[in-house]
PDB file of N, CA and C in Angstrom:
ATOM      1  N   UNK A   1     -14.409   9.444   4.637  1.00  0.00           N
ATOM      2  CA  UNK A   1     -14.002   9.575   3.462  1.00  0.00           C
ATOM      3  C   UNK A   1     -15.472   9.009   2.166  1.00  0.00           C
ATOM      4  N   UNK A   2     -15.903  10.029   1.888  1.00  0.00           N
ATOM      5  CA  UNK A   2     -17.053   9.453   1.210  1.00  0.00           C
ATOM      6  C   UNK A   2     -17.961   8.448   1.295  1.00  0.00           C
ATOM      7  N   UNK A   3     -18.313   8.448   2.988  1.00  0.00           N
ATOM      8  CA  UNK A   3     -19.202   7.509   3.900  1.00  0.00           C
ATOM      9  C   UNK A   3     -18.123   6.601   4.049  1.00  0.00           C
ATOM     10  N   UNK A   4     -17.244   6.012   4.235  1.00  0.00           N
ATOM     11  CA  UNK A   4     -16.048   4.989   4.449  1.00  0.00           C
ATOM     12  C   UNK A   4     -15.476   5.592   5.723  1.00  0.00           C
ATOM     13  N   UNK A   5     -15.368   4.757   6.546  1.00  0.00           N
ATOM     14  CA  UNK A   5     -14.619   5.252   7.913  1.00  0.00           C
ATOM     15  C   UNK A   5     -13.180   4.642   7.638  1.00  0.00           C
ATOM     16  N   UNK A   6     -12.192   5.700   8.124  1.00  0.00           N
ATOM     17  CA  UNK A   6     -11.210   5.439   7.986  1.00  0.00           C
ATOM     18  C   UNK A   6     -10.033   6.015   8.814  1.00  0.00           C
ATOM     19  N   UNK A   7      -8.915   4.854   9.217  1.00  0.00           N
ATOM     20  CA  UNK A   7      -8.367   5.041  10.600  1.00  0.00           C
ATOM     21  C   UNK A   7      -7.158   5.064  10.579  1.00  0.00           C
ATOM     22  N   UNK A   8      -6.526   5.999  11.775  1.00  0.00           N
ATOM     23  CA  UNK A   8      -5.131   5.540  11.143  1.00  0.00           C
ATOM     24  C   UNK A   8      -4.488   5.536  12.725  1.00  0.00           C
ATOM     25  N   UNK A   9      -3.245   4.366  12.648  1.00  0.00           N
ATOM     26  CA  UNK A   9      -2.570   4.729  14.022  1.00  0.00           C
ATOM     27  C   UNK A   9      -1.174   4.904  13.770  1.00  0.00           C
ATOM     28  N   UNK A  10      -0.813   5.747  15.189  1.00  0.00           N
ATOM     29  CA  UNK A  10       0.445   6.384  15.091  1.00  0.00           C
ATOM     30  C   UNK A  10       0.904   5.633  16.204  1.00  0.00           C
ATOM     31  N   UNK A  11       1.902   4.646  17.010  1.00  0.00           N
ATOM     32  CA  UNK A  11       2.837   4.174  17.789  1.00  0.00           C
ATOM     33  C   UNK A  11       4.117   3.997  17.214  1.00  0.00           C
ATOM     34  N   UNK A  12       4.783   4.612  18.547  1.00  0.00           N
ATOM     35  CA  UNK A  12       6.361   4.108  18.715  1.00  0.00           C
ATOM     36  C   UNK A  12       6.180   2.827  18.422  1.00  0.00           C
ATOM     37  N   UNK A  13       7.637   2.092  17.507  1.00  0.00           N
ATOM     38  CA  UNK A  13       7.943   1.139  16.771  1.00  0.00           C
ATOM     39  C   UNK A  13       6.451   0.443  16.014  1.00  0.00           C
ATOM     40  N   UNK A  14       5.883   1.148  15.509  1.00  0.00           N
ATOM     41  CA  UNK A  14       4.780   0.290  14.677  1.00  0.00           C
ATOM     42  C   UNK A  14       4.560   1.297  13.082  1.00  0.00           C
ATOM     43  N   UNK A  15       5.531   0.644  12.572  1.00  0.00           N
ATOM     44  CA  UNK A  15       6.392   1.068  11.316  1.00  0.00           C
ATOM     45  C   UNK A  15       5.325   1.403  10.282  1.00  0.00           C
ATOM     46  N   UNK A  16       5.199   0.250   9.737  1.00  0.00           N
ATOM     47  CA  UNK A  16       4.545  -0.421   8.329  1.00  0.00           C
ATOM     48  C   UNK A  16       3.425  -1.259   8.476  1.00  0.00           C
ATOM     49  N   UNK A  17       2.544  -1.380   8.432  1.00  0.00           N
ATOM     50  CA  UNK A  17       1.206  -1.805   8.578  1.00  0.00           C
ATOM     51  C   UNK A  17       0.019  -1.336   7.822  1.00  0.00           C
ATOM     52  N   UNK A  18      -0.804  -2.262   7.278  1.00  0.00           N
ATOM     53  CA  UNK A  18      -1.937  -2.157   6.081  1.00  0.00           C
ATOM     54  C   UNK A  18      -3.090  -2.918   6.549  1.00  0.00           C
ATOM     55  N   UNK A  19      -4.178  -2.636   7.123  1.00  0.00           N
ATOM     56  CA  UNK A  19      -5.135  -3.420   7.136  1.00  0.00           C
ATOM     57  C   UNK A  19      -6.257  -2.590   6.068  1.00  0.00           C
ATOM     58  N   UNK A  20      -7.306  -3.493   5.774  1.00  0.00           N
ATOM     59  CA  UNK A  20      -8.473  -3.315   5.379  1.00  0.00           C
ATOM     60  C   UNK A  20      -9.476  -3.963   5.616  1.00  0.00           C
ATOM     61  N   UNK A  21     -11.015  -3.481   6.192  1.00  0.00           N
ATOM     62  CA  UNK A  21     -11.699  -4.564   6.086  1.00  0.00           C
ATOM     63  C   UNK A  21     -12.993  -4.044   5.605  1.00  0.00           C
ATOM     64  N   UNK A  22     -13.538  -4.958   4.806  1.00  0.00           N
ATOM     65  CA  UNK A  22     -14.994  -4.915   4.647  1.00  0.00           C
ATOM     66  C   UNK A  22     -15.861  -5.770   5.411  1.00  0.00           C
ATOM     67  N   UNK A  23     -17.039  -4.727   5.258  1.00  0.00           N
ATOM     68  CA  UNK A  23     -17.789  -5.519   6.164  1.00  0.00           C
ATOM     69  C   UNK A  23     -19.567  -5.550   6.288  1.00  0.00           C
ATOM     70  N   UNK A  24     -20.073  -6.316   6.616  1.00  0.00           N
ATOM     71  CA  UNK A  24     -21.654  -6.543   5.786  1.00  0.00           C
ATOM     72  C   UNK A  24     -22.352  -6.735   7.619  1.00  0.00           C
ATOM     73  N   UNK A  25     -23.357  -7.013   7.715  1.00  0.00           N
ATOM     74  CA  UNK A  25     -23.777  -7.363   9.210  1.00  0.00           C
ATOM     75  C   UNK A  25     -23.590  -8.989   9.311  1.00  0.00           C
ATOM     76  N   UNK A  26     -23.194  -9.016  10.535  1.00  0.00           N
ATOM     77  CA  UNK A  26     -22.541 -10.137  10.570  1.00  0.00           C
ATOM     78  C   UNK A  26     -21.500 -10.924   9.925  1.00  0.00           C
ATOM     79  N   UNK A  27     -20.963 -10.120   9.167  1.00  0.00           N
ATOM     80  CA  UNK A  27     -19.986 -10.823   8.885  1.00  0.00           C
ATOM     81  C   UNK A  27     -18.502  -9.766   8.651  1.00  0.00           C
ATOM     82  N   UNK A  28     -16.813 -10.004   8.290  1.00  0.00           N
ATOM     83  CA  UNK A  28     -15.965  -9.128   8.189  1.00  0.00           C
ATOM     84  C   UNK A  28     -14.760  -9.910   7.335  1.00  0.00           C
ATOM     85  N   UNK A  29     -14.600  -9.047   6.734  1.00  0.00           N
ATOM     86  CA  UNK A  29     -13.126  -9.679   5.669  1.00  0.00           C
ATOM     87  C   UNK A  29     -12.143  -8.712   6.356  1.00  0.00           C
ATOM     88  N   UNK A  30     -11.196  -9.216   6.864  1.00  0.00           N
ATOM     89  CA  UNK A  30      -9.991  -8.965   7.141  1.00  0.00           C
ATOM     90  C   UNK A  30      -8.639  -8.920   6.310  1.00  0.00           C
ATOM     91  N   UNK A  31      -8.071  -8.063   5.415  1.00  0.00           N
ATOM     92  CA  UNK A  31      -6.944  -8.414   4.891  1.00  0.00           C
ATOM     93  C   UNK A  31      -5.694  -7.376   5.950  1.00  0.00           C
ATOM     94  N   UNK A  32      -4.715  -8.034   5.950  1.00  0.00           N
ATOM     95  CA  UNK A  32      -3.548  -7.161   6.904  1.00  0.00           C
ATOM     96  C   UNK A  32      -1.984  -7.533   6.128  1.00  0.00           C
ATOM     97  N   UNK A  33      -1.263  -6.621   6.340  1.00  0.00           N
ATOM     98  CA  UNK A  33      -0.279  -6.936   5.921  1.00  0.00           C
ATOM     99  C   UNK A  33       0.743  -6.211   6.916  1.00  0.00           C
ATOM    100  N   UNK A  34       1.530  -6.751   7.225  1.00  0.00           N
ATOM    101  CA  UNK A  34       2.832  -6.340   7.990  1.00  0.00           C
ATOM    102  C   UNK A  34       4.171  -6.432   7.446  1.00  0.00           C
ATOM    103  N   UNK A  35       4.226  -5.005   7.414  1.00  0.00           N
ATOM    104  CA  UNK A  35       6.196  -5.254   7.055  1.00  0.00           C
ATOM    105  C   UNK A  35       7.049  -4.899   8.220  1.00  0.00           C
ATOM    106  N   UNK A  36       6.686  -5.201   9.446  1.00  0.00           N
ATOM    107  CA  UNK A  36       7.884  -5.052  10.516  1.00  0.00           C
ATOM    108  C   UNK A  36       8.214  -3.842  11.226  1.00  0.00           C
ATOM    109  N   UNK A  37       9.536  -3.610  11.415  1.00  0.00           N
ATOM    110  CA  UNK A  37       9.892  -2.272  11.993  1.00  0.00           C
ATOM    111  C   UNK A  37      10.752  -0.927  11.035  1.00  0.00           C
ATOM    112  N   UNK A  38      10.486  -1.554  10.110  1.00  0.00           N
ATOM    113  CA  UNK A  38      11.050  -0.288   8.642  1.00  0.00           C
ATOM    114  C   UNK A  38      10.081  -0.298   7.701  1.00  0.00           C
ATOM    115  N   UNK A  39      10.668   0.646   6.538  1.00  0.00           N
ATOM    116  CA  UNK A  39      10.002   0.702   5.340  1.00  0.00           C
ATOM    117  C   UNK A  39      10.639  -0.449   4.700  1.00  0.00           C
ATOM    118  N   UNK A  40      11.619  -0.815   4.746  1.00  0.00           N
ATOM    119  CA  UNK A  40      12.746  -1.666   3.946  1.00  0.00           C
ATOM    120  C   UNK A  40      12.151  -2.621   2.803  1.00  0.00           C
ATOM    121  N   UNK A  41      10.870  -3.123   3.374  1.00  0.00           N
ATOM    122  CA  UNK A  41      10.119  -3.977   2.079  1.00  0.00           C
ATOM    123  C   UNK A  41       9.462  -3.076   0.968  1.00  0.00           C
ATOM    124  N   UNK A  42       9.332  -1.836   1.101  1.00  0.00           N
ATOM    125  CA  UNK A  42       9.137  -1.015  -0.101  1.00  0.00           C
ATOM    126  C   UNK A  42      10.257   0.129  -0.716  1.00  0.00           C
ATOM    127  N   UNK A  43      11.210  -0.608  -0.565  1.00  0.00           N
ATOM    128  CA  UNK A  43      12.924   0.141  -1.048  1.00  0.00           C
ATOM    129  C   UNK A  43      12.777  -0.046  -2.603  1.00  0.00           C
ATOM    130  N   UNK A  44      12.699  -1.279  -2.806  1.00  0.00           N
ATOM    131  CA  UNK A  44      12.634  -1.748  -4.266  1.00  0.00           C
ATOM    132  C   UNK A  44      11.623  -1.128  -5.263  1.00  0.00           C
ATOM    133  N   UNK A  45      10.127  -1.345  -4.595  1.00  0.00           N
ATOM    134  CA  UNK A  45       9.588  -0.911  -5.529  1.00  0.00           C
ATOM    135  C   UNK A  45       9.231   0.336  -5.558  1.00  0.00           C
ATOM    136  N   UNK A  46       9.909   1.446  -4.889  1.00  0.00           N
ATOM    137  CA  UNK A  46      10.180   2.483  -4.509  1.00  0.00           C
ATOM    138  C   UNK A  46      11.072   3.134  -5.490  1.00  0.00           C
ATOM    139  N   UNK A  47      11.750   2.381  -5.763  1.00  0.00           N
ATOM    140  CA  UNK A  47      13.429   2.834  -6.200  1.00  0.00           C
ATOM    141  C   UNK A  47      12.927   2.287  -7.926  1.00  0.00           C
ATOM    142  N   UNK A  48      11.975   1.574  -8.473  1.00  0.00           N
ATOM    143  CA  UNK A  48      11.940   0.887  -9.665  1.00  0.00           C
ATOM    144  C   UNK A  48      10.742   1.740 -10.546  1.00  0.00           C
ATOM    145  N   UNK A  49      10.000   2.541  -9.198  1.00  0.00           N
ATOM    146  CA  UNK A  49       9.152   3.475  -9.620  1.00  0.00           C
ATOM    147  C   UNK A  49       9.616   5.120 -10.144  1.00  0.00           C
ATOM    148  N   UNK A  50      11.263   5.720  -9.502  1.00  0.00           N
ATOM    149  CA  UNK A  50      11.495   6.430  -9.503  1.00  0.00           C
ATOM    150  C   UNK A  50      12.302   6.005 -10.626  1.00  0.00           C
ATOM    151  N   UNK A  51      13.006   5.181 -11.017  1.00  0.00           N
ATOM    152  CA  UNK A  51      13.569   4.986 -12.567  1.00  0.00           C
ATOM    153  C   UNK A  51      12.542   4.991 -13.737  1.00  0.00           C
ATOM    154  N   UNK A  52      11.348   4.374 -13.965  1.00  0.00           N
ATOM    155  CA  UNK A  52      10.604   4.494 -14.630  1.00  0.00           C
ATOM    156  C   UNK A  52       9.700   5.578 -15.138  1.00  0.00           C
ATOM    157  N   UNK A  53       9.351   6.989 -13.747  1.00  0.00           N
ATOM    158  CA  UNK A  53       8.784   7.558 -13.992  1.00  0.00           C
ATOM    159  C   UNK A  53       8.878   8.327 -14.982  1.00  0.00           C
ATOM    160  N   UNK A  54      10.042   8.594 -15.516  1.00  0.00           N
ATOM    161  CA  UNK A  54      10.737   9.636 -16.908  1.00  0.00           C
ATOM    162  C   UNK A  54       9.860   8.886 -18.183  1.00  0.00           C
ATOM    163  N   UNK A  55       9.558   7.424 -17.995  1.00  0.00           N
ATOM    164  CA  UNK A  55       9.265   7.029 -19.156  1.00  0.00           C
ATOM    165  C   UNK A  55       8.056   6.926 -19.036  1.00  0.00           C
ATOM    166  N   UNK A  56       6.843   7.730 -18.700  1.00  0.00           N
ATOM    167  CA  UNK A  56       5.334   7.301 -18.138  1.00  0.00           C
ATOM    168  C   UNK A  56       4.786   8.308 -18.679  1.00  0.00           C
ATOM    169  N   UNK A  57       4.055   8.469 -19.070  1.00  0.00           N
ATOM    170  CA  UNK A  57       2.983   9.893 -19.445  1.00  0.00           C
ATOM    171  C   UNK A  57       1.571   8.951 -18.899  1.00  0.00           C
ATOM    172  N   UNK A  58       1.081  10.367 -18.368  1.00  0.00           N
ATOM    173  CA  UNK A  58      -0.576  10.484 -17.508  1.00  0.00           C
ATOM    174  C   UNK A  58       0.113   9.293 -15.923  1.00  0.00           C
ATOM    175  N   UNK A  59      -1.262   8.669 -15.723  1.00  0.00           N
ATOM    176  CA  UNK A  59      -1.115   8.228 -14.393  1.00  0.00           C
ATOM    177  C   UNK A  59      -0.905   6.860 -14.697  1.00  0.00           C
ATOM    178  N   UNK A  60      -0.472   6.151 -13.365  1.00  0.00           N
ATOM    179  CA  UNK A  60       0.277   4.370 -13.545  1.00  0.00           C
ATOM    180  C   UNK A  60      -0.634   4.278 -12.239  1.00  0.00           C
ATOM    181  N   UNK A  61      -0.804   3.323 -12.327  1.00  0.00           N
ATOM    182  CA  UNK A  61      -1.721   2.899 -11.178  1.00  0.00           C
ATOM    183  C   UNK A  61      -1.320   1.143 -10.991  1.00  0.00           C
ATOM    184  N   UNK A  62      -0.642   1.036  -9.527  1.00  0.00           N
ATOM    185  CA  UNK A  62      -0.281  -0.247  -9.254  1.00  0.00           C
ATOM    186  C   UNK A  62       1.375  -0.383  -9.581  1.00  0.00           C
ATOM    187  N   UNK A  63       1.165  -1.316  -8.859  1.00  0.00           N
ATOM    188  CA  UNK A  63       3.349  -1.268  -8.777  1.00  0.00           C
ATOM    189  C   UNK A  63       3.493  -2.656  -9.929  1.00  0.00           C
ATOM    190  N   UNK A  64       2.497  -3.357  -9.920  1.00  0.00           N
ATOM    191  CA  UNK A  64       2.241  -4.460 -10.628  1.00  0.00           C
ATOM    192  C   UNK A  64       2.390  -4.157 -11.945  1.00  0.00           C
ATOM    193  N   UNK A  65       2.242  -3.068 -12.765  1.00  0.00           N
ATOM    194  CA  UNK A  65       1.820  -2.538 -14.072  1.00  0.00           C
ATOM    195  C   UNK A  65       3.634  -2.354 -14.406  1.00  0.00           C
ATOM    196  N   UNK A  66       4.381  -1.743 -13.693  1.00  0.00           N
ATOM    197  CA  UNK A  66       5.828  -1.521 -13.997  1.00  0.00           C
ATOM    198  C   UNK A  66       6.353  -2.752 -13.809  1.00  0.00           C
ATOM    199  N   UNK A  67       6.094  -3.576 -12.765  1.00  0.00           N
ATOM    200  CA  UNK A  67       7.095  -5.060 -12.873  1.00  0.00           C
ATOM    201  C   UNK A  67       6.691  -5.982 -14.193  1.00  0.00           C
ATOM    202  N   UNK A  68       5.551  -5.737 -14.519  1.00  0.00           N
ATOM    203  CA  UNK A  68       5.457  -6.468 -15.892  1.00  0.00           C
ATOM    204  C   UNK A  68       5.526  -6.071 -17.217  1.00  0.00           C
ATOM    205  N   UNK A  69       5.776  -4.427 -17.123  1.00  0.00           N
ATOM    206  CA  UNK A  69       6.554  -3.411 -18.156  1.00  0.00           C
ATOM    207  C   UNK A  69       7.834  -3.505 -18.234  1.00  0.00           C
ATOM    208  N   UNK A  70       8.649  -3.944 -17.080  1.00  0.00           N
ATOM    209  CA  UNK A  70      10.125  -3.760 -16.620  1.00  0.00           C
ATOM    210  C   UNK A  70      10.546  -4.603 -17.664  1.00  0.00           C
TER     211      UNK A  70
END
């Protein structure tokens, strides 16, 4: 995507995980989040976004903006 390689993993029992790797010659920075075997860690944020959507105009980026405006 725009010169950046994107890889997706689909495996049984591998539900929610995000990993971002920044790289340069001879160095790598890995950021990884594992949510376990279900999407339940994301439910509270999703519900907050659903409740806030009617109060928003335009594009809102990031759950943090909803948390701090709430």
